[in-house]
C-alpha atoms as a PDB file:
ATOM      1  CA  MET A   1     -18.905  49.581  16.856  1.00  0.00           C
ATOM      2  CA  THR A   2     -19.553  45.828  16.832  1.00  0.00           C
ATOM      3  CA  THR A   3     -22.150  43.836  18.730  1.00  0.00           C
ATOM      4  CA  LEU A   4     -21.302  41.038  21.174  1.00  0.00           C
ATOM      5  CA  VAL A   5     -22.578  38.461  18.659  1.00  0.00           C
ATOM      6  CA  GLU A   6     -20.339  39.863  15.925  1.00  0.00           C
ATOM      7  CA  GLU A   7     -17.348  39.817  18.265  1.00  0.00           C
ATOM      8  CA  LYS A   8     -17.970  36.160  19.151  1.00  0.00           C
ATOM      9  CA  GLN A   9     -18.330  35.237  15.511  1.00  0.00           C
ATOM     10  CA  ALA A  10     -15.095  37.034  14.645  1.00  0.00           C
ATOM     11  CA  ALA A  11     -13.306  35.293  17.508  1.00  0.00           C
ATOM     12  CA  GLY A  12     -14.447  31.917  16.163  1.00  0.00           C
ATOM     13  CA  ARG A  13     -13.005  32.481  12.691  1.00  0.00           C
ATOM     14  CA  ALA A  14      -9.678  30.844  11.980  1.00  0.00           C
ATOM     15  CA  THR A  15      -6.999  32.741  10.100  1.00  0.00           C
ATOM     16  CA  ARG A  16      -6.803  31.693   6.457  1.00  0.00           C
ATOM     17  CA  ASP A  17      -3.986  29.183   6.175  1.00  0.00           C
ATOM     18  CA  VAL A  18      -3.931  26.588   3.395  1.00  0.00           C
ATOM     19  CA  THR A  19      -0.341  25.368   3.776  1.00  0.00           C
ATOM     20  CA  SER A  20      -1.683  21.978   4.878  1.00  0.00           C
ATOM     21  CA  LEU A  21      -4.968  20.147   4.491  1.00  0.00           C
ATOM     22  CA  ARG A  22      -5.598  20.261   8.248  1.00  0.00           C
ATOM     23  CA  LYS A  23      -5.089  24.012   8.459  1.00  0.00           C
ATOM     24  CA  ALA A  24      -7.270  24.540   5.400  1.00  0.00           C
ATOM     25  CA  LEU A  25     -10.045  22.493   7.017  1.00  0.00           C
ATOM     26  CA  GLU A  26      -9.785  24.517  10.222  1.00  0.00           C
ATOM     27  CA  PHE A  27     -10.214  27.698   8.214  1.00  0.00           C
ATOM     28  CA  LEU A  28     -13.125  26.353   6.157  1.00  0.00           C
ATOM     29  CA  GLN A  29     -14.834  24.984   9.270  1.00  0.00           C
ATOM     30  CA  SER A  30     -14.689  28.443  10.812  1.00  0.00           C
ATOM     31  CA  GLN A  31     -16.414  29.725   7.666  1.00  0.00           C
ATOM     32  CA  GLY A  32     -19.199  27.120   7.869  1.00  0.00           C
ATOM     33  CA  ASP A  33     -18.076  25.372   4.697  1.00  0.00           C
ATOM     34  CA  VAL A  34     -17.454  21.866   6.092  1.00  0.00           C
ATOM     35  CA  LEU A  35     -20.139  19.255   6.711  1.00  0.00           C
ATOM     36  CA  THR A  36     -18.795  16.795   9.290  1.00  0.00           C
ATOM     37  CA  THR A  37     -20.397  13.497  10.260  1.00  0.00           C
ATOM     38  CA  ASP A  38     -19.602  10.854  12.850  1.00  0.00           C
ATOM     39  CA  VAL A  39     -21.864   8.321  11.097  1.00  0.00           C
ATOM     40  CA  GLU A  40     -19.810   5.462   9.687  1.00  0.00           C
ATOM     41  CA  VAL A  41     -19.453   5.606   5.917  1.00  0.00           C
ATOM     42  CA  ASP A  42     -18.606   2.716   3.585  1.00  0.00           C
ATOM     43  CA  PRO A  43     -15.831   3.310   1.012  1.00  0.00           C
ATOM     44  CA  ASP A  44     -17.722   0.945  -1.264  1.00  0.00           C
ATOM     45  CA  LEU A  45     -20.145   3.238  -3.166  1.00  0.00           C
ATOM     46  CA  GLU A  46     -21.276   5.336  -0.150  1.00  0.00           C
ATOM     47  CA  ILE A  47     -18.483   7.920  -0.088  1.00  0.00           C
ATOM     48  CA  THR A  48     -18.718   8.537  -3.814  1.00  0.00           C
ATOM     49  CA  GLY A  49     -22.522   8.442  -3.743  1.00  0.00           C
ATOM     50  CA  LEU A  50     -22.653  11.194  -1.125  1.00  0.00           C
ATOM     51  CA  GLN A  51     -19.937  13.082  -2.962  1.00  0.00           C
ATOM     52  CA  LYS A  52     -21.979  13.101  -6.159  1.00  0.00           C
ATOM     53  CA  HIS A  53     -25.273  13.846  -4.388  1.00  0.00           C
ATOM     54  CA  LEU A  54     -23.736  16.919  -2.738  1.00  0.00           C
ATOM     55  CA  ASP A  55     -21.698  18.059  -5.722  1.00  0.00           C
ATOM     56  CA  GLY A  56     -21.539  21.838  -5.641  1.00  0.00           C
ATOM     57  CA  GLY A  57     -22.142  21.813  -1.894  1.00  0.00           C
ATOM     58  CA  PRO A  58     -19.982  21.828   1.214  1.00  0.00           C
ATOM     59  CA  VAL A  59     -16.731  20.036   1.889  1.00  0.00           C
ATOM     60  CA  LEU A  60     -17.505  16.590   3.356  1.00  0.00           C
ATOM     61  CA  LEU A  61     -15.539  15.202   6.286  1.00  0.00           C
ATOM     62  CA  PHE A  62     -16.228  11.633   7.414  1.00  0.00           C
ATOM     63  CA  ASN A  63     -14.803  10.908  10.864  1.00  0.00           C
ATOM     64  CA  HIS A  64     -15.508   7.169  10.714  1.00  0.00           C
ATOM     65  CA  VAL A  65     -14.682   5.041   7.681  1.00  0.00           C
ATOM     66  CA  LYS A  66     -15.809   1.407   7.637  1.00  0.00           C
ATOM     67  CA  GLY A  67     -12.872  -0.945   7.984  1.00  0.00           C
ATOM     68  CA  LYS A  68     -10.410   1.916   8.558  1.00  0.00           C
ATOM     69  CA  PRO A  69     -10.631   2.968  12.233  1.00  0.00           C
ATOM     70  CA  HIS A  70      -7.373   4.939  11.929  1.00  0.00           C
ATOM     71  CA  THR A  71      -8.547   7.186   9.093  1.00  0.00           C
ATOM     72  CA  ARG A  72     -10.896   9.986   8.208  1.00  0.00           C
ATOM     73  CA  ALA A  73     -12.045  10.774   4.684  1.00  0.00           C
ATOM     74  CA  ILE A  74     -12.565  14.119   2.997  1.00  0.00           C
ATOM     75  CA  THR A  75     -14.167  14.853  -0.339  1.00  0.00           C
ATOM     76  CA  ASN A  76     -15.725  17.722  -2.314  1.00  0.00           C
ATOM     77  CA  LEU A  77     -12.918  20.076  -1.297  1.00  0.00           C
ATOM     78  CA  PHE A  78     -13.214  21.671  -4.746  1.00  0.00           C
ATOM     79  CA  ALA A  79     -16.940  21.078  -5.304  1.00  0.00           C
ATOM     80  CA  ASP A  80     -17.994  24.696  -4.723  1.00  0.00           C
ATOM     81  CA  ILE A  81     -16.062  27.390  -6.590  1.00  0.00           C
ATOM     82  CA  ASN A  82     -16.952  29.862  -3.835  1.00  0.00           C
ATOM     83  CA  VAL A  83     -15.058  27.673  -1.365  1.00  0.00           C
ATOM     84  CA  VAL A  84     -12.118  27.496  -3.758  1.00  0.00           C
ATOM     85  CA  ASP A  85     -12.069  31.288  -4.031  1.00  0.00           C
ATOM     86  CA  LYS A  86     -12.197  31.571  -0.254  1.00  0.00           C
ATOM     87  CA  MET A  87      -9.286  29.158   0.242  1.00  0.00           C
ATOM     88  CA  PHE A  88      -6.959  31.013  -2.114  1.00  0.00           C
ATOM     89  CA  ALA A  89      -8.306  34.543  -1.575  1.00  0.00           C
ATOM     90  CA  PHE A  90      -9.487  34.897  -5.165  1.00  0.00           C
ATOM     91  CA  GLU A  91     -11.645  38.029  -5.273  1.00  0.00           C
ATOM     92  CA  SER A  92     -13.527  37.288  -8.498  1.00  0.00           C
ATOM     93  CA  PRO A  93     -13.502  34.906 -11.473  1.00  0.00           C
ATOM     94  CA  THR A  94     -11.213  37.321 -13.320  1.00  0.00           C
ATOM     95  CA  ASP A  95      -8.893  37.604 -10.328  1.00  0.00           C
ATOM     96  CA  ARG A  96      -8.828  33.793 -10.076  1.00  0.00           C
ATOM     97  CA  VAL A  97      -7.764  33.368 -13.701  1.00  0.00           C
ATOM     98  CA  LYS A  98      -5.100  36.066 -13.458  1.00  0.00           C
ATOM     99  CA  LYS A  99      -3.580  34.729 -10.236  1.00  0.00           C
ATOM    100  CA  ILE A 100      -3.496  31.111 -11.395  1.00  0.00           C
ATOM    101  CA  ALA A 101      -2.035  32.124 -14.768  1.00  0.00           C
ATOM    102  CA  TYR A 102       0.646  34.136 -12.986  1.00  0.00           C
ATOM    103  CA  ALA A 103       1.417  31.243 -10.618  1.00  0.00           C
ATOM    104  CA  LEU A 104       1.917  28.829 -13.526  1.00  0.00           C
ATOM    105  CA  THR A 105       4.641  31.048 -14.961  1.00  0.00           C
ATOM    106  CA  HIS A 106       6.143  32.289 -11.687  1.00  0.00           C
ATOM    107  CA  PRO A 107       6.659  29.214  -9.481  1.00  0.00           C
ATOM    108  CA  ILE A 108       8.015  29.545  -5.959  1.00  0.00           C
ATOM    109  CA  LYS A 109      10.734  26.952  -5.498  1.00  0.00           C
ATOM    110  CA  PRO A 110       9.816  24.294  -2.893  1.00  0.00           C
ATOM    111  CA  VAL A 111      11.754  24.190   0.357  1.00  0.00           C
ATOM    112  CA  GLU A 112      13.490  21.056   1.597  1.00  0.00           C
ATOM    113  CA  VAL A 113      12.781  20.289   5.246  1.00  0.00           C
ATOM    114  CA  PRO A 114      14.634  17.725   7.392  1.00  0.00           C
ATOM    115  CA  GLN A 115      13.031  14.332   7.874  1.00  0.00           C
ATOM    116  CA  SER A 116      12.855  14.949  11.619  1.00  0.00           C
ATOM    117  CA  SER A 117      10.410  17.834  11.138  1.00  0.00           C
ATOM    118  CA  ALA A 118       8.287  16.528   8.250  1.00  0.00           C
ATOM    119  CA  PRO A 119       4.683  15.850   9.378  1.00  0.00           C
ATOM    120  CA  CYS A 120       4.351  12.991   6.883  1.00  0.00           C
ATOM    121  CA  GLN A 121       7.227  11.128   8.562  1.00  0.00           C
ATOM    122  CA  GLU A 122       6.056  11.344  12.159  1.00  0.00           C
ATOM    123  CA  GLU A 123       5.391   7.613  11.914  1.00  0.00           C
ATOM    124  CA  VAL A 124       7.293   5.404   9.483  1.00  0.00           C
ATOM    125  CA  ILE A 125       6.178   1.836   8.673  1.00  0.00           C
ATOM    126  CA  THR A 126       8.623  -0.458   6.892  1.00  0.00           C
ATOM    127  CA  ASP A 127       7.727  -3.980   8.004  1.00  0.00           C
ATOM    128  CA  ASP A 128       3.962  -4.449   7.476  1.00  0.00           C
ATOM    129  CA  LEU A 129       3.462  -3.295   3.917  1.00  0.00           C
ATOM    130  CA  ASP A 130      -0.031  -4.433   2.975  1.00  0.00           C
ATOM    131  CA  VAL A 131      -1.159  -1.028   1.697  1.00  0.00           C
ATOM    132  CA  ASN A 132      -4.829  -1.999   1.835  1.00  0.00           C
ATOM    133  CA  LYS A 133      -4.625  -1.903   5.649  1.00  0.00           C
ATOM    134  CA  TYR A 134      -3.745   1.771   5.662  1.00  0.00           C
ATOM    135  CA  ILE A 135      -4.999   3.520   2.530  1.00  0.00           C
ATOM    136  CA  THR A 136      -8.718   3.822   1.798  1.00  0.00           C
ATOM    137  CA  ALA A 137      -9.721   2.346  -1.548  1.00  0.00           C
ATOM    138  CA  ILE A 138     -13.151   3.271  -2.940  1.00  0.00           C
ATOM    139  CA  ARG A 139     -15.619   2.158  -5.582  1.00  0.00           C
ATOM    140  CA  HIS A 140     -17.592   4.647  -7.680  1.00  0.00           C
ATOM    141  CA  THR A 141     -20.135   2.395  -9.415  1.00  0.00           C
ATOM    142  CA  ALA A 142     -21.439  -1.156  -9.241  1.00  0.00           C
ATOM    143  CA  LEU A 143     -19.879  -1.725 -12.687  1.00  0.00           C
ATOM    144  CA  GLU A 144     -16.468  -1.874 -11.041  1.00  0.00           C
ATOM    145  CA  THR A 145     -15.628  -5.269  -9.606  1.00  0.00           C
ATOM    146  CA  GLU A 146     -12.948  -4.018  -7.206  1.00  0.00           C
ATOM    147  CA  LEU A 147     -12.151  -0.984  -5.091  1.00  0.00           C
ATOM    148  CA  THR A 148      -9.345   1.290  -6.326  1.00  0.00           C
ATOM    149  CA  VAL A 149      -7.197   4.054  -4.851  1.00  0.00           C
ATOM    150  CA  GLY A 150      -7.618   7.310  -6.734  1.00  0.00           C
ATOM    151  CA  SER A 151      -6.665   9.953  -4.197  1.00  0.00           C
ATOM    152  CA  GLY A 152      -2.889   9.504  -4.261  1.00  0.00           C
ATOM    153  CA  ILE A 153      -0.769  12.185  -5.916  1.00  0.00           C
ATOM    154  CA  SER A 154       2.392  10.994  -7.619  1.00  0.00           C
ATOM    155  CA  CYS A 155       5.427  13.120  -6.864  1.00  0.00           C
ATOM    156  CA  VAL A 156       8.566  13.004  -9.022  1.00  0.00           C
ATOM    157  CA  VAL A 157      11.266  15.606  -8.389  1.00  0.00           C
ATOM    158  CA  GLY A 158      14.651  15.935 -10.084  1.00  0.00           C
ATOM    159  CA  GLU A 159      16.408  13.887 -12.745  1.00  0.00           C
ATOM    160  CA  TYR A 160      13.440  11.742 -13.746  1.00  0.00           C
ATOM    161  CA  PHE A 161      11.512  14.909 -14.655  1.00  0.00           C
ATOM    162  CA  LYS A 162      14.374  16.800 -16.304  1.00  0.00           C
ATOM    163  CA  GLY A 163      15.227  18.677 -13.119  1.00  0.00           C
ATOM    164  CA  GLY A 164      11.696  19.888 -12.455  1.00  0.00           C
ATOM    165  CA  SER A 165       8.842  18.567 -10.336  1.00  0.00           C
ATOM    166  CA  HIS A 166       5.691  16.666 -11.246  1.00  0.00           C
ATOM    167  CA  ILE A 167       2.541  16.104  -9.189  1.00  0.00           C
ATOM    168  CA  GLY A 168      -0.505  14.334 -10.596  1.00  0.00           C
ATOM    169  CA  TYR A 169      -3.229  11.771  -9.955  1.00  0.00           C
ATOM    170  CA  ASN A 170      -2.723   8.095 -10.792  1.00  0.00           C
ATOM    171  CA  ARG A 171      -5.270   5.417  -9.983  1.00  0.00           C
ATOM    172  CA  MET A 172      -3.948   2.297  -8.237  1.00  0.00           C
ATOM    173  CA  ASN A 173      -5.200  -1.111  -7.148  1.00  0.00           C
ATOM    174  CA  PHE A 174      -3.126  -2.927  -4.535  1.00  0.00           C
ATOM    175  CA  ARG A 175      -4.175  -6.429  -5.514  1.00  0.00           C
ATOM    176  CA  TRP A 176      -0.859  -7.823  -4.282  1.00  0.00           C
ATOM    177  CA  GLY A 177      -0.586  -6.018  -0.932  1.00  0.00           C
ATOM    178  CA  ASN A 178       2.545  -3.973  -1.472  1.00  0.00           C
ATOM    179  CA  VAL A 179       2.439  -4.171  -5.285  1.00  0.00           C
ATOM    180  CA  ALA A 180      -0.131  -2.205  -7.251  1.00  0.00           C
ATOM    181  CA  THR A 181      -1.270  -1.437 -10.734  1.00  0.00           C
ATOM    182  CA  PHE A 182      -0.541   2.165 -11.673  1.00  0.00           C
ATOM    183  CA  GLN A 183      -2.571   4.011 -14.303  1.00  0.00           C
ATOM    184  CA  ALA A 184      -0.946   6.786 -16.337  1.00  0.00           C
ATOM    185  CA  SER A 185      -3.029   8.663 -18.924  1.00  0.00           C
ATOM    186  CA  PRO A 186      -1.449   8.758 -22.391  1.00  0.00           C
ATOM    187  CA  GLY A 187       0.381  12.044 -22.887  1.00  0.00           C
ATOM    188  CA  SER A 188       0.420  12.936 -19.197  1.00  0.00           C
ATOM    189  CA  HIS A 189       3.585  13.903 -17.345  1.00  0.00           C
ATOM    190  CA  MET A 190       3.720  10.496 -15.685  1.00  0.00           C
ATOM    191  CA  TRP A 191       3.290   8.829 -19.059  1.00  0.00           C
ATOM    192  CA  GLN A 192       6.162  10.982 -20.389  1.00  0.00           C
ATOM    193  CA  ILE A 193       8.357   9.891 -17.478  1.00  0.00           C
ATOM    194  CA  ILE A 194       7.501   6.231 -18.061  1.00  0.00           C
ATOM    195  CA  THR A 195       8.076   6.299 -21.815  1.00  0.00           C
ATOM    196  CA  GLU A 196      11.394   8.165 -21.501  1.00  0.00           C
ATOM    197  CA  HIS A 197      12.765   5.590 -19.072  1.00  0.00           C
ATOM    198  CA  TYR A 198      11.031   2.534 -20.508  1.00  0.00           C
ATOM    199  CA  ARG A 199      14.247   1.152 -22.012  1.00  0.00           C
ATOM    200  CA  ASP A 200      16.421   1.830 -18.976  1.00  0.00           C
ATOM    201  CA  GLU A 201      15.395  -1.507 -17.487  1.00  0.00           C
ATOM    202  CA  LYS A 202      15.494  -0.012 -13.992  1.00  0.00           C
ATOM    203  CA  PRO A 203      12.618   1.146 -11.797  1.00  0.00           C
ATOM    204  CA  ILE A 204      11.667   4.778 -11.287  1.00  0.00           C
ATOM    205  CA  PRO A 205      11.630   5.911  -7.629  1.00  0.00           C
ATOM    206  CA  LEU A 206       8.636   8.013  -6.633  1.00  0.00           C
ATOM    207  CA  THR A 207       6.204   8.761  -3.829  1.00  0.00           C
ATOM    208  CA  MET A 208       2.411   8.771  -3.704  1.00  0.00           C
ATOM    209  CA  CYS A 209       1.163  11.530  -1.396  1.00  0.00           C
ATOM    210  CA  PHE A 210      -2.267  11.654   0.236  1.00  0.00           C
ATOM    211  CA  GLY A 211      -3.940  14.561   2.035  1.00  0.00           C
ATOM    212  CA  VAL A 212      -1.701  17.240   0.553  1.00  0.00           C
ATOM    213  CA  PRO A 213      -2.018  21.038   0.772  1.00  0.00           C
ATOM    214  CA  PRO A 214      -5.001  22.167  -1.352  1.00  0.00           C
ATOM    215  CA  ALA A 215      -2.770  24.041  -3.827  1.00  0.00           C
ATOM    216  CA  CYS A 216      -1.042  20.742  -4.641  1.00  0.00           C
ATOM    217  CA  THR A 217      -4.443  19.156  -5.227  1.00  0.00           C
ATOM    218  CA  LEU A 218      -5.289  22.018  -7.582  1.00  0.00           C
ATOM    219  CA  LEU A 219      -2.116  21.611  -9.619  1.00  0.00           C
ATOM    220  CA  ALA A 220      -2.223  17.811  -9.628  1.00  0.00           C
ATOM    221  CA  GLY A 221      -5.745  17.822 -11.015  1.00  0.00           C
ATOM    222  CA  GLY A 222      -5.298  20.625 -13.512  1.00  0.00           C
ATOM    223  CA  GLY A 223      -1.833  20.250 -14.998  1.00  0.00           C
ATOM    224  CA  PHE A 224      -2.656  18.967 -18.479  1.00  0.00           C
ATOM    225  CA  ASP A 225      -1.671  22.135 -20.355  1.00  0.00           C
ATOM    226  CA  TYR A 226       1.759  21.000 -21.457  1.00  0.00           C
ATOM    227  CA  VAL A 227       2.446  24.103 -23.508  1.00  0.00           C
ATOM    228  CA  ILE A 228       2.531  26.047 -20.233  1.00  0.00           C
ATOM    229  CA  LEU A 229       3.721  23.113 -18.108  1.00  0.00           C
ATOM    230  CA  PRO A 230       6.174  21.107 -20.249  1.00  0.00           C
ATOM    231  CA  LYS A 231       8.369  18.309 -18.968  1.00  0.00           C
ATOM    232  CA  GLY A 232      10.900  19.834 -16.609  1.00  0.00           C
ATOM    233  CA  CYS A 233       8.542  22.488 -15.256  1.00  0.00           C
ATOM    234  CA  ASP A 234       8.100  23.005 -11.506  1.00  0.00           C
ATOM    235  CA  GLU A 235       4.532  21.967 -10.655  1.00  0.00           C
ATOM    236  CA  VAL A 236       5.275  21.883  -6.929  1.00  0.00           C
ATOM    237  CA  GLY A 237       6.614  25.413  -7.297  1.00  0.00           C
ATOM    238  CA  CYS A 238       3.447  26.468  -9.120  1.00  0.00           C
ATOM    239  CA  ALA A 239       1.416  25.096  -6.223  1.00  0.00           C
ATOM    240  CA  GLY A 240       3.539  27.205  -3.891  1.00  0.00           C
ATOM    241  CA  ALA A 241       2.800  30.269  -6.004  1.00  0.00           C
ATOM    242  CA  VAL A 242      -0.938  29.552  -5.814  1.00  0.00           C
ATOM    243  CA  GLN A 243      -0.892  29.366  -2.002  1.00  0.00           C
ATOM    244  CA  GLY A 244       1.559  32.244  -1.733  1.00  0.00           C
ATOM    245  CA  THR A 245       4.304  30.401   0.157  1.00  0.00           C
ATOM    246  CA  PRO A 246       6.709  27.584  -0.769  1.00  0.00           C
ATOM    247  CA  ILE A 247       5.567  23.980  -0.536  1.00  0.00           C
ATOM    248  CA  ASN A 248       7.734  21.953   1.822  1.00  0.00           C
ATOM    249  CA  ILE A 249       9.229  18.751   0.438  1.00  0.00           C
ATOM    250  CA  VAL A 250      11.162  16.022   2.246  1.00  0.00           C
ATOM    251  CA  LYS A 251      13.497  13.263   1.160  1.00  0.00           C
ATOM    252  CA  ALA A 252      11.877   9.831   1.189  1.00  0.00           C
ATOM    253  CA  ARG A 253      13.114   7.284   3.732  1.00  0.00           C
ATOM    254  CA  THR A 254      13.401   4.161   1.565  1.00  0.00           C
ATOM    255  CA  VAL A 255      13.810   5.322  -2.050  1.00  0.00           C
ATOM    256  CA  ASP A 256      15.665   8.112  -3.837  1.00  0.00           C
ATOM    257  CA  ALA A 257      12.631  10.350  -4.186  1.00  0.00           C
ATOM    258  CA  TRP A 258      10.846  13.313  -2.618  1.00  0.00           C
ATOM    259  CA  ALA A 259       7.465  13.734  -0.939  1.00  0.00           C
ATOM    260  CA  ILE A 260       5.178  16.624  -0.030  1.00  0.00           C
ATOM    261  CA  ALA A 261       6.147  17.132   3.610  1.00  0.00           C
ATOM    262  CA  GLU A 262       2.652  18.202   4.747  1.00  0.00           C
ATOM    263  CA  SER A 263       1.000  15.030   3.393  1.00  0.00           C
ATOM    264  CA  GLU A 264      -1.191  12.968   5.702  1.00  0.00           C
ATOM    265  CA  TYR A 265       0.153   9.707   4.236  1.00  0.00           C
ATOM    266  CA  VAL A 266       2.988   8.895   1.864  1.00  0.00           C
ATOM    267  CA  LEU A 267       3.696   5.666   0.006  1.00  0.00           C
ATOM    268  CA  GLU A 268       7.289   5.254  -1.132  1.00  0.00           C
ATOM    269  CA  GLY A 269       7.910   2.895  -4.003  1.00  0.00           C
ATOM    270  CA  LEU A 270       9.412   1.955  -7.341  1.00  0.00           C
ATOM    271  CA  LEU A 271       7.625   2.154 -10.674  1.00  0.00           C
ATOM    272  CA  TYR A 272       8.466  -0.676 -13.093  1.00  0.00           C
ATOM    273  CA  PRO A 273       7.498   0.542 -16.593  1.00  0.00           C
ATOM    274  CA  ARG A 274       7.736  -2.933 -18.159  1.00  0.00           C
ATOM    275  CA  ASP A 275       5.673  -4.703 -15.507  1.00  0.00           C
ATOM    276  CA  LYS A 276       2.220  -4.661 -17.129  1.00  0.00           C
ATOM    277  CA  ARG A 277      -0.657  -6.138 -15.136  1.00  0.00           C
ATOM    278  CA  TYR A 278      -4.438  -6.265 -15.249  1.00  0.00           C
ATOM    279  CA  GLU A 279      -6.011  -4.009 -12.655  1.00  0.00           C
ATOM    280  CA  THR A 280      -8.835  -6.376 -11.712  1.00  0.00           C
ATOM    281  CA  ALA A 281      -9.086 -10.131 -11.324  1.00  0.00           C
ATOM    282  CA  GLU A 282     -12.068 -10.096 -13.698  1.00  0.00           C
ATOM    283  CA  ALA A 283     -10.034  -8.585 -16.534  1.00  0.00           C
ATOM    284  CA  GLU A 284      -7.085 -10.884 -15.826  1.00  0.00           C
ATOM    285  CA  LYS A 285      -9.277 -13.972 -15.897  1.00  0.00           C
ATOM    286  CA  ALA A 286     -10.779 -12.944 -19.221  1.00  0.00           C
ATOM    287  CA  GLY A 287      -7.422 -11.875 -20.605  1.00  0.00           C
ATOM    288  CA  VAL A 288      -9.067  -8.935 -22.333  1.00  0.00           C
ATOM    289  CA  GLN A 289      -7.872  -5.341 -22.201  1.00  0.00           C
ATOM    290  CA  GLY A 290     -10.347  -2.511 -22.743  1.00  0.00           C
ATOM    291  CA  LYS A 291     -13.564  -4.429 -22.051  1.00  0.00           C
ATOM    292  CA  TYR A 292     -13.985  -4.129 -18.305  1.00  0.00           C
ATOM    293  CA  ALA A 293     -14.137  -1.088 -16.046  1.00  0.00           C
ATOM    294  CA  TRP A 294     -10.749   0.044 -14.714  1.00  0.00           C
ATOM    295  CA  ILE A 295      -8.564  -2.534 -16.363  1.00  0.00           C
ATOM    296  CA  HIS A 296      -4.833  -2.186 -16.421  1.00  0.00           C
ATOM    297  CA  GLY A 297      -1.891   0.021 -15.636  1.00  0.00           C
ATOM    298  CA  GLN A 298       1.764  -0.126 -14.799  1.00  0.00           C
ATOM    299  CA  GLY A 299       3.340  -2.188 -12.033  1.00  0.00           C
ATOM    300  CA  LEU A 300       4.337  -0.265  -8.933  1.00  0.00           C
END
């Protein structure tokens, strides 16, 4: 027998569904794991300051971002391991390790969906391409002279990754509106892609996906074990195995690439491995690499 209060609480709980960021947030909100605020937050130091102050705490959802009336911002999705376990139905630390290890070696192949049904292509912009108008750049510390975009997940599927799929984080700075610096860590999958095609003298098509399903975030941030995940592996498939269902992918509209269909935003572009630029105006003016915070990357 249940009480009326228990019945109301049960009725208010959303079914666990993490196949998109929005559905995952609905589930976590029903569990009391999301702290939402309508107070305007500044991407310059405030978002990251609150993120750090509440590290280990709830998921943070900002409904109003200064200078970006069309966006919301979310952070600390993986700040509390208990929330992570809840999202993916991990029953214990041991269960978590076993299930993730199994997923890395038993990927579920992603499913291609038509462009007409892909959430990330409900609205397509091709004529006003100043990325800074749409994507929220942030600054972590006062040592940085410019805001950078760190929440985009690069997605490379097919021939440029030896038939597999790559997802990973790459910091960008859109100093030139629709042209950005692109940082790839030495040894990373993206670095491997760049170095393999460096002499081709042709750009690499790719997408940058924002607001992806949480399992994609997990794989993108944790895929540095290249013994288990070598070039040609299926990282999108591994993400599908973590969430228990295939990740949907969709063909890009303007380049020969693929995107995570359930993304909130997608940037489509070309990576030019030989186009080296300084990330900040300060570093460019000084002409010194390695001295200033967040200096240089690849041209995108």
